[in-house]
Amino acid sequence: MAGNVWEWVADWYTPNYYATLGPEVANNPKGPEKGYDPDEPYVPKKVTRGRSFMCNSSYCEGYKVTSRMKSSPDTGLENTGFRCFK
């Protein structure tokens, strides 16, 4: 499934949130309470992970399933989806 679509996760997006937690909270940290994108401060963003079929090395962060991007919750792009997780 890696590379099919970017997958929504529960976390809100903040550029360097995980760096503020430190190494002791590295295993599935709880995300920030609200999103903040300095490029669009009035549009809250959610985190998407993985990569999509549209990825190109000049556009995406990388071809890793751990890649992290941002998108507004009202996005309806064909390369964004979700995975059910229990």
PDB file of N, CA and C in Angstrom:
ATOM      1  N   MET A   1       0.815  -1.205   0.000  1.00  0.00           N
ATOM      2  CA  MET A   1       0.000   0.000   0.000  1.00  0.00           C
ATOM      3  C   MET A   1       0.850   1.257   0.000  1.00  0.00           C
ATOM      4  N   ALA A   2       2.124   1.131   0.326  1.00  0.00           N
ATOM      5  CA  ALA A   2       2.990   2.310   0.357  1.00  0.00           C
ATOM      6  C   ALA A   2       3.060   2.931  -1.034  1.00  0.00           C
ATOM      7  N   GLY A   3       2.824   4.212  -1.079  1.00  0.00           N
ATOM      8  CA  GLY A   3       2.903   4.913  -2.343  1.00  0.00           C
ATOM      9  C   GLY A   3       1.590   5.040  -3.075  1.00  0.00           C
ATOM     10  N   ASN A   4       0.517   4.521  -2.534  1.00  0.00           N
ATOM     11  CA  ASN A   4      -0.779   4.602  -3.187  1.00  0.00           C
ATOM     12  C   ASN A   4      -1.363   6.012  -3.031  1.00  0.00           C
ATOM     13  N   VAL A   5      -1.631   6.424  -1.784  1.00  0.00           N
ATOM     14  CA  VAL A   5      -2.123   7.776  -1.507  1.00  0.00           C
ATOM     15  C   VAL A   5      -1.508   8.272  -0.205  1.00  0.00           C
ATOM     16  N   TRP A   6      -1.462   9.580  -0.043  1.00  0.00           N
ATOM     17  CA  TRP A   6      -1.099  10.148   1.251  1.00  0.00           C
ATOM     18  C   TRP A   6      -2.198   9.773   2.219  1.00  0.00           C
ATOM     19  N   GLU A   7      -1.845   9.383   3.432  1.00  0.00           N
ATOM     20  CA  GLU A   7      -2.836   8.914   4.398  1.00  0.00           C
ATOM     21  C   GLU A   7      -3.011   9.918   5.531  1.00  0.00           C
ATOM     22  N   TRP A   8      -4.273  10.279   5.790  1.00  0.00           N
ATOM     23  CA  TRP A   8      -4.584  11.172   6.904  1.00  0.00           C
ATOM     24  C   TRP A   8      -4.226  10.481   8.214  1.00  0.00           C
ATOM     25  N   VAL A   9      -3.707  11.239   9.157  1.00  0.00           N
ATOM     26  CA  VAL A   9      -3.523  10.749  10.519  1.00  0.00           C
ATOM     27  C   VAL A   9      -4.259  11.701  11.452  1.00  0.00           C
ATOM     28  N   ALA A  10      -4.365  11.367  12.717  1.00  0.00           N
ATOM     29  CA  ALA A  10      -5.156  12.162  13.659  1.00  0.00           C
ATOM     30  C   ALA A  10      -4.483  13.475  14.061  1.00  0.00           C
ATOM     31  N   ASP A  11      -3.200  13.605  13.870  1.00  0.00           N
ATOM     32  CA  ASP A  11      -2.459  14.777  14.353  1.00  0.00           C
ATOM     33  C   ASP A  11      -2.709  16.031  13.534  1.00  0.00           C
ATOM     34  N   TRP A  12      -2.805  17.131  14.242  1.00  0.00           N
ATOM     35  CA  TRP A  12      -2.785  18.432  13.593  1.00  0.00           C
ATOM     36  C   TRP A  12      -1.343  18.732  13.207  1.00  0.00           C
ATOM     37  N   TYR A  13      -1.161  19.570  12.196  1.00  0.00           N
ATOM     38  CA  TYR A  13       0.177  19.895  11.711  1.00  0.00           C
ATOM     39  C   TYR A  13       0.741  21.127  12.400  1.00  0.00           C
ATOM     40  N   THR A  14       1.933  21.012  12.893  1.00  0.00           N
ATOM     41  CA  THR A  14       2.764  22.117  13.367  1.00  0.00           C
ATOM     42  C   THR A  14       4.173  21.788  12.885  1.00  0.00           C
ATOM     43  N   PRO A  15       4.888  22.713  12.262  1.00  0.00           N
ATOM     44  CA  PRO A  15       6.139  22.386  11.574  1.00  0.00           C
ATOM     45  C   PRO A  15       7.162  21.582  12.376  1.00  0.00           C
ATOM     46  N   ASN A  16       7.456  21.986  13.588  1.00  0.00           N
ATOM     47  CA  ASN A  16       8.522  21.299  14.337  1.00  0.00           C
ATOM     48  C   ASN A  16       8.025  20.767  15.679  1.00  0.00           C
ATOM     49  N   TYR A  17       6.793  20.299  15.720  1.00  0.00           N
ATOM     50  CA  TYR A  17       6.192  19.841  16.965  1.00  0.00           C
ATOM     51  C   TYR A  17       6.965  18.679  17.586  1.00  0.00           C
ATOM     52  N   TYR A  18       7.317  17.692  16.795  1.00  0.00           N
ATOM     53  CA  TYR A  18       7.981  16.506  17.333  1.00  0.00           C
ATOM     54  C   TYR A  18       9.359  16.840  17.899  1.00  0.00           C
ATOM     55  N   ALA A  19      10.027  17.828  17.358  1.00  0.00           N
ATOM     56  CA  ALA A  19      11.340  18.237  17.872  1.00  0.00           C
ATOM     57  C   ALA A  19      11.222  18.840  19.273  1.00  0.00           C
ATOM     58  N   THR A  20      10.071  19.399  19.613  1.00  0.00           N
ATOM     59  CA  THR A  20       9.892  20.002  20.935  1.00  0.00           C
ATOM     60  C   THR A  20       9.640  18.967  22.026  1.00  0.00           C
ATOM     61  N   LEU A  21       9.308  17.735  21.638  1.00  0.00           N
ATOM     62  CA  LEU A  21       8.987  16.703  22.616  1.00  0.00           C
ATOM     63  C   LEU A  21      10.219  16.079  23.264  1.00  0.00           C
ATOM     64  N   GLY A  22      11.313  16.015  22.537  1.00  0.00           N
ATOM     65  CA  GLY A  22      12.513  15.375  23.072  1.00  0.00           C
ATOM     66  C   GLY A  22      12.498  13.879  22.804  1.00  0.00           C
ATOM     67  N   PRO A  23      13.614  13.214  23.047  1.00  0.00           N
ATOM     68  CA  PRO A  23      13.728  11.794  22.711  1.00  0.00           C
ATOM     69  C   PRO A  23      12.913  10.850  23.593  1.00  0.00           C
ATOM     70  N   GLU A  24      12.501  11.276  24.770  1.00  0.00           N
ATOM     71  CA  GLU A  24      11.776  10.376  25.672  1.00  0.00           C
ATOM     72  C   GLU A  24      10.346  10.099  25.216  1.00  0.00           C
ATOM     73  N   VAL A  25       9.806  10.875  24.281  1.00  0.00           N
ATOM     74  CA  VAL A  25       8.438  10.672  23.801  1.00  0.00           C
ATOM     75  C   VAL A  25       8.485  10.357  22.299  1.00  0.00           C
ATOM     76  N   ALA A  26       9.258   9.369  21.944  1.00  0.00           N
ATOM     77  CA  ALA A  26       9.446   9.056  20.536  1.00  0.00           C
ATOM     78  C   ALA A  26       8.453   8.024  20.012  1.00  0.00           C
ATOM     79  N   ASN A  27       7.805   7.254  20.885  1.00  0.00           N
ATOM     80  CA  ASN A  27       6.920   6.189  20.451  1.00  0.00           C
ATOM     81  C   ASN A  27       5.471   6.669  20.409  1.00  0.00           C
ATOM     82  N   ASN A  28       4.955   6.961  19.220  1.00  0.00           N
ATOM     83  CA  ASN A  28       3.575   7.401  19.001  1.00  0.00           C
ATOM     84  C   ASN A  28       3.162   8.568  19.901  1.00  0.00           C
ATOM     85  N   PRO A  29       3.826   9.715  19.764  1.00  0.00           N
ATOM     86  CA  PRO A  29       3.454  10.868  20.598  1.00  0.00           C
ATOM     87  C   PRO A  29       2.098  11.425  20.205  1.00  0.00           C
ATOM     88  N   LYS A  30       1.404  11.981  21.161  1.00  0.00           N
ATOM     89  CA  LYS A  30       0.138  12.655  20.897  1.00  0.00           C
ATOM     90  C   LYS A  30       0.466  13.956  20.171  1.00  0.00           C
ATOM     91  N   GLY A  31      -0.283  14.262  19.162  1.00  0.00           N
ATOM     92  CA  GLY A  31      -0.030  15.459  18.365  1.00  0.00           C
ATOM     93  C   GLY A  31      -0.454  16.728  19.081  1.00  0.00           C
ATOM     94  N   PRO A  32      -0.195  17.892  18.461  1.00  0.00           N
ATOM     95  CA  PRO A  32      -0.566  19.166  19.067  1.00  0.00           C
ATOM     96  C   PRO A  32      -2.082  19.337  19.161  1.00  0.00           C
ATOM     97  N   GLU A  33      -2.521  20.209  20.044  1.00  0.00           N
ATOM     98  CA  GLU A  33      -3.952  20.464  20.262  1.00  0.00           C
ATOM     99  C   GLU A  33      -4.627  21.115  19.053  1.00  0.00           C
ATOM    100  N   LYS A  34      -3.884  21.928  18.306  1.00  0.00           N
ATOM    101  CA  LYS A  34      -4.429  22.581  17.117  1.00  0.00           C
ATOM    102  C   LYS A  34      -3.324  22.733  16.083  1.00  0.00           C
ATOM    103  N   GLY A  35      -3.722  22.925  14.846  1.00  0.00           N
ATOM    104  CA  GLY A  35      -2.758  23.039  13.766  1.00  0.00           C
ATOM    105  C   GLY A  35      -2.284  24.464  13.553  1.00  0.00           C
ATOM    106  N   TYR A  36      -1.052  24.572  13.050  1.00  0.00           N
ATOM    107  CA  TYR A  36      -0.519  25.882  12.682  1.00  0.00           C
ATOM    108  C   TYR A  36       0.464  25.707  11.541  1.00  0.00           C
ATOM    109  N   ASP A  37       0.220  26.398  10.455  1.00  0.00           N
ATOM    110  CA  ASP A  37       1.104  26.391   9.299  1.00  0.00           C
ATOM    111  C   ASP A  37       1.574  27.824   9.079  1.00  0.00           C
ATOM    112  N   PRO A  38       2.875  28.116   9.270  1.00  0.00           N
ATOM    113  CA  PRO A  38       3.350  29.487   9.091  1.00  0.00           C
ATOM    114  C   PRO A  38       3.165  30.009   7.668  1.00  0.00           C
ATOM    115  N   ASP A  39       3.063  29.116   6.687  1.00  0.00           N
ATOM    116  CA  ASP A  39       2.844  29.553   5.305  1.00  0.00           C
ATOM    117  C   ASP A  39       1.409  30.031   5.093  1.00  0.00           C
ATOM    118  N   GLU A  40       0.466  29.459   5.811  1.00  0.00           N
ATOM    119  CA  GLU A  40      -0.950  29.856   5.772  1.00  0.00           C
ATOM    120  C   GLU A  40      -1.490  29.848   7.200  1.00  0.00           C
ATOM    121  N   PRO A  41      -1.189  30.874   7.986  1.00  0.00           N
ATOM    122  CA  PRO A  41      -1.524  30.856   9.414  1.00  0.00           C
ATOM    123  C   PRO A  41      -3.009  30.781   9.743  1.00  0.00           C
ATOM    124  N   TYR A  42      -3.885  31.102   8.811  1.00  0.00           N
ATOM    125  CA  TYR A  42      -5.318  31.079   9.105  1.00  0.00           C
ATOM    126  C   TYR A  42      -6.016  29.816   8.594  1.00  0.00           C
ATOM    127  N   VAL A  43      -5.226  28.866   8.074  1.00  0.00           N
ATOM    128  CA  VAL A  43      -5.777  27.602   7.581  1.00  0.00           C
ATOM    129  C   VAL A  43      -5.175  26.469   8.399  1.00  0.00           C
ATOM    130  N   PRO A  44      -5.938  25.882   9.331  1.00  0.00           N
ATOM    131  CA  PRO A  44      -5.392  24.765  10.118  1.00  0.00           C
ATOM    132  C   PRO A  44      -5.142  23.559   9.215  1.00  0.00           C
ATOM    133  N   LYS A  45      -4.065  22.861   9.485  1.00  0.00           N
ATOM    134  CA  LYS A  45      -3.681  21.731   8.645  1.00  0.00           C
ATOM    135  C   LYS A  45      -3.598  20.456   9.472  1.00  0.00           C
ATOM    136  N   LYS A  46      -3.855  19.337   8.827  1.00  0.00           N
ATOM    137  CA  LYS A  46      -3.691  18.010   9.408  1.00  0.00           C
ATOM    138  C   LYS A  46      -2.461  17.365   8.766  1.00  0.00           C
ATOM    139  N   VAL A  47      -1.927  16.371   9.450  1.00  0.00           N
ATOM    140  CA  VAL A  47      -0.760  15.652   8.941  1.00  0.00           C
ATOM    141  C   VAL A  47      -1.217  14.528   8.021  1.00  0.00           C
ATOM    142  N   THR A  48      -0.511  14.373   6.914  1.00  0.00           N
ATOM    143  CA  THR A  48      -0.654  13.203   6.062  1.00  0.00           C
ATOM    144  C   THR A  48       0.698  12.508   6.027  1.00  0.00           C
ATOM    145  N   ARG A  49       0.674  11.193   5.949  1.00  0.00           N
ATOM    146  CA  ARG A  49       1.918  10.409   5.946  1.00  0.00           C
ATOM    147  C   ARG A  49       1.947   9.458   4.768  1.00  0.00           C
ATOM    148  N   GLY A  50       3.150   9.044   4.425  1.00  0.00           N
ATOM    149  CA  GLY A  50       3.367   8.085   3.349  1.00  0.00           C
ATOM    150  C   GLY A  50       3.822   8.787   2.095  1.00  0.00           C
ATOM    151  N   ARG A  51       3.186   8.484   1.012  1.00  0.00           N
ATOM    152  CA  ARG A  51       3.424   9.134  -0.270  1.00  0.00           C
ATOM    153  C   ARG A  51       2.322   8.703  -1.210  1.00  0.00           C
ATOM    154  N   SER A  52       2.194   9.360  -2.337  1.00  0.00           N
ATOM    155  CA  SER A  52       1.130   8.995  -3.260  1.00  0.00           C
ATOM    156  C   SER A  52       1.700   8.614  -4.619  1.00  0.00           C
ATOM    157  N   PHE A  53       0.811   8.157  -5.478  1.00  0.00           N
ATOM    158  CA  PHE A  53       1.206   7.786  -6.830  1.00  0.00           C
ATOM    159  C   PHE A  53       1.685   8.988  -7.636  1.00  0.00           C
ATOM    160  N   MET A  54       1.382  10.193  -7.168  1.00  0.00           N
ATOM    161  CA  MET A  54       1.792  11.401  -7.871  1.00  0.00           C
ATOM    162  C   MET A  54       3.163  11.905  -7.430  1.00  0.00           C
ATOM    163  N   CYS A  55       3.790  11.268  -6.451  1.00  0.00           N
ATOM    164  CA  CYS A  55       5.063  11.751  -5.928  1.00  0.00           C
ATOM    165  C   CYS A  55       6.164  11.728  -6.975  1.00  0.00           C
ATOM    166  N   ASN A  56       6.952  12.754  -6.903  1.00  0.00           N
ATOM    167  CA  ASN A  56       8.146  12.884  -7.721  1.00  0.00           C
ATOM    168  C   ASN A  56       9.242  13.341  -6.774  1.00  0.00           C
ATOM    169  N   SER A  57      10.469  12.951  -7.006  1.00  0.00           N
ATOM    170  CA  SER A  57      11.550  13.302  -6.086  1.00  0.00           C
ATOM    171  C   SER A  57      11.708  14.814  -5.934  1.00  0.00           C
ATOM    172  N   SER A  58      11.267  15.620  -6.911  1.00  0.00           N
ATOM    173  CA  SER A  58      11.369  17.068  -6.794  1.00  0.00           C
ATOM    174  C   SER A  58      10.193  17.672  -6.025  1.00  0.00           C
ATOM    175  N   TYR A  59       9.120  16.890  -5.778  1.00  0.00           N
ATOM    176  CA  TYR A  59       7.946  17.413  -5.104  1.00  0.00           C
ATOM    177  C   TYR A  59       7.788  16.880  -3.688  1.00  0.00           C
ATOM    178  N   CYS A  60       7.873  15.580  -3.500  1.00  0.00           N
ATOM    179  CA  CYS A  60       7.670  14.972  -2.190  1.00  0.00           C
ATOM    180  C   CYS A  60       8.950  14.995  -1.369  1.00  0.00           C
ATOM    181  N   GLU A  61       8.799  14.885  -0.059  1.00  0.00           N
ATOM    182  CA  GLU A  61       9.959  14.852   0.825  1.00  0.00           C
ATOM    183  C   GLU A  61      10.838  13.645   0.556  1.00  0.00           C
ATOM    184  N   GLY A  62      10.260  12.572   0.157  1.00  0.00           N
ATOM    185  CA  GLY A  62      11.024  11.357  -0.097  1.00  0.00           C
ATOM    186  C   GLY A  62      10.099  10.193  -0.346  1.00  0.00           C
ATOM    187  N   TYR A  63      10.677   9.118  -0.732  1.00  0.00           N
ATOM    188  CA  TYR A  63       9.896   7.927  -1.024  1.00  0.00           C
ATOM    189  C   TYR A  63       9.863   6.987   0.164  1.00  0.00           C
ATOM    190  N   LYS A  64       9.662   7.503   1.355  1.00  0.00           N
ATOM    191  CA  LYS A  64       9.580   6.702   2.569  1.00  0.00           C
ATOM    192  C   LYS A  64       8.149   6.715   3.085  1.00  0.00           C
ATOM    193  N   VAL A  65       7.711   5.607   3.685  1.00  0.00           N
ATOM    194  CA  VAL A  65       6.366   5.582   4.247  1.00  0.00           C
ATOM    195  C   VAL A  65       6.268   6.483   5.469  1.00  0.00           C
ATOM    196  N   THR A  66       7.401   6.914   6.009  1.00  0.00           N
ATOM    197  CA  THR A  66       7.406   7.814   7.161  1.00  0.00           C
ATOM    198  C   THR A  66       7.402   9.281   6.755  1.00  0.00           C
ATOM    199  N   SER A  67       7.341   9.573   5.470  1.00  0.00           N
ATOM    200  CA  SER A  67       7.300  10.964   5.016  1.00  0.00           C
ATOM    201  C   SER A  67       6.084  11.661   5.604  1.00  0.00           C
ATOM    202  N   ARG A  68       6.227  12.944   5.861  1.00  0.00           N
ATOM    203  CA  ARG A  68       5.169  13.717   6.529  1.00  0.00           C
ATOM    204  C   ARG A  68       4.906  14.986   5.738  1.00  0.00           C
ATOM    205  N   MET A  69       3.638  15.226   5.421  1.00  0.00           N
ATOM    206  CA  MET A  69       3.253  16.447   4.717  1.00  0.00           C
ATOM    207  C   MET A  69       2.067  17.053   5.459  1.00  0.00           C
ATOM    208  N   LYS A  70       1.542  18.136   4.938  1.00  0.00           N
ATOM    209  CA  LYS A  70       0.410  18.836   5.555  1.00  0.00           C
ATOM    210  C   LYS A  70      -0.668  19.076   4.516  1.00  0.00           C
ATOM    211  N   SER A  71      -1.909  19.173   4.984  1.00  0.00           N
ATOM    212  CA  SER A  71      -3.011  19.478   4.096  1.00  0.00           C
ATOM    213  C   SER A  71      -4.205  19.930   4.929  1.00  0.00           C
ATOM    214  N   SER A  72      -5.028  20.800   4.365  1.00  0.00           N
ATOM    215  CA  SER A  72      -6.209  21.249   5.105  1.00  0.00           C
ATOM    216  C   SER A  72      -7.251  20.131   5.108  1.00  0.00           C
ATOM    217  N   PRO A  73      -8.026  20.027   6.188  1.00  0.00           N
ATOM    218  CA  PRO A  73      -9.005  18.930   6.315  1.00  0.00           C
ATOM    219  C   PRO A  73     -10.076  18.900   5.229  1.00  0.00           C
ATOM    220  N   ASP A  74     -10.287  20.007   4.526  1.00  0.00           N
ATOM    221  CA  ASP A  74     -11.314  20.018   3.482  1.00  0.00           C
ATOM    222  C   ASP A  74     -10.770  19.643   2.104  1.00  0.00           C
ATOM    223  N   THR A  75      -9.555  19.149   2.051  1.00  0.00           N
ATOM    224  CA  THR A  75      -8.950  18.761   0.781  1.00  0.00           C
ATOM    225  C   THR A  75      -9.694  17.583   0.176  1.00  0.00           C
ATOM    226  N   GLY A  76      -9.912  17.625  -1.098  1.00  0.00           N
ATOM    227  CA  GLY A  76     -10.559  16.529  -1.808  1.00  0.00           C
ATOM    228  C   GLY A  76      -9.687  16.015  -2.934  1.00  0.00           C
ATOM    229  N   LEU A  77      -8.389  15.972  -2.730  1.00  0.00           N
ATOM    230  CA  LEU A  77      -7.478  15.540  -3.774  1.00  0.00           C
ATOM    231  C   LEU A  77      -7.524  14.029  -3.973  1.00  0.00           C
ATOM    232  N   GLU A  78      -7.322  13.584  -5.200  1.00  0.00           N
ATOM    233  CA  GLU A  78      -7.370  12.151  -5.510  1.00  0.00           C
ATOM    234  C   GLU A  78      -6.191  11.374  -4.953  1.00  0.00           C
ATOM    235  N   ASN A  79      -5.148  12.073  -4.530  1.00  0.00           N
ATOM    236  CA  ASN A  79      -3.975  11.383  -3.986  1.00  0.00           C
ATOM    237  C   ASN A  79      -3.912  11.446  -2.464  1.00  0.00           C
ATOM    238  N   THR A  80      -5.064  11.689  -1.818  1.00  0.00           N
ATOM    239  CA  THR A  80      -5.150  11.708  -0.357  1.00  0.00           C
ATOM    240  C   THR A  80      -6.268  10.769   0.068  1.00  0.00           C
ATOM    241  N   GLY A  81      -5.966   9.912   1.043  1.00  0.00           N
ATOM    242  CA  GLY A  81      -6.951   8.956   1.505  1.00  0.00           C
ATOM    243  C   GLY A  81      -6.748   8.676   2.989  1.00  0.00           C
ATOM    244  N   PHE A  82      -7.184   7.530   3.443  1.00  0.00           N
ATOM    245  CA  PHE A  82      -7.008   7.166   4.849  1.00  0.00           C
ATOM    246  C   PHE A  82      -6.920   5.663   4.951  1.00  0.00           C
ATOM    247  N   ARG A  83      -6.425   5.202   6.073  1.00  0.00           N
ATOM    248  CA  ARG A  83      -6.358   3.782   6.369  1.00  0.00           C
ATOM    249  C   ARG A  83      -7.019   3.564   7.708  1.00  0.00           C
ATOM    250  N   CYS A  84      -7.936   2.611   7.784  1.00  0.00           N
ATOM    251  CA  CYS A  84      -8.580   2.297   9.050  1.00  0.00           C
ATOM    252  C   CYS A  84      -7.576   1.593   9.947  1.00  0.00           C
ATOM    253  N   PHE A  85      -7.533   2.003  11.189  1.00  0.00           N
ATOM    254  CA  PHE A  85      -6.571   1.460  12.137  1.00  0.00           C
ATOM    255  C   PHE A  85      -7.269   1.235  13.460  1.00  0.00           C
ATOM    256  N   LYS A  86      -6.994   0.123  14.079  1.00  0.00           N
ATOM    257  CA  LYS A  86      -7.603  -0.148  15.370  1.00  0.00           C
ATOM    258  C   LYS A  86      -6.539  -0.270  16.418  1.00  0.00           C
TER     259      LYS A  86
END
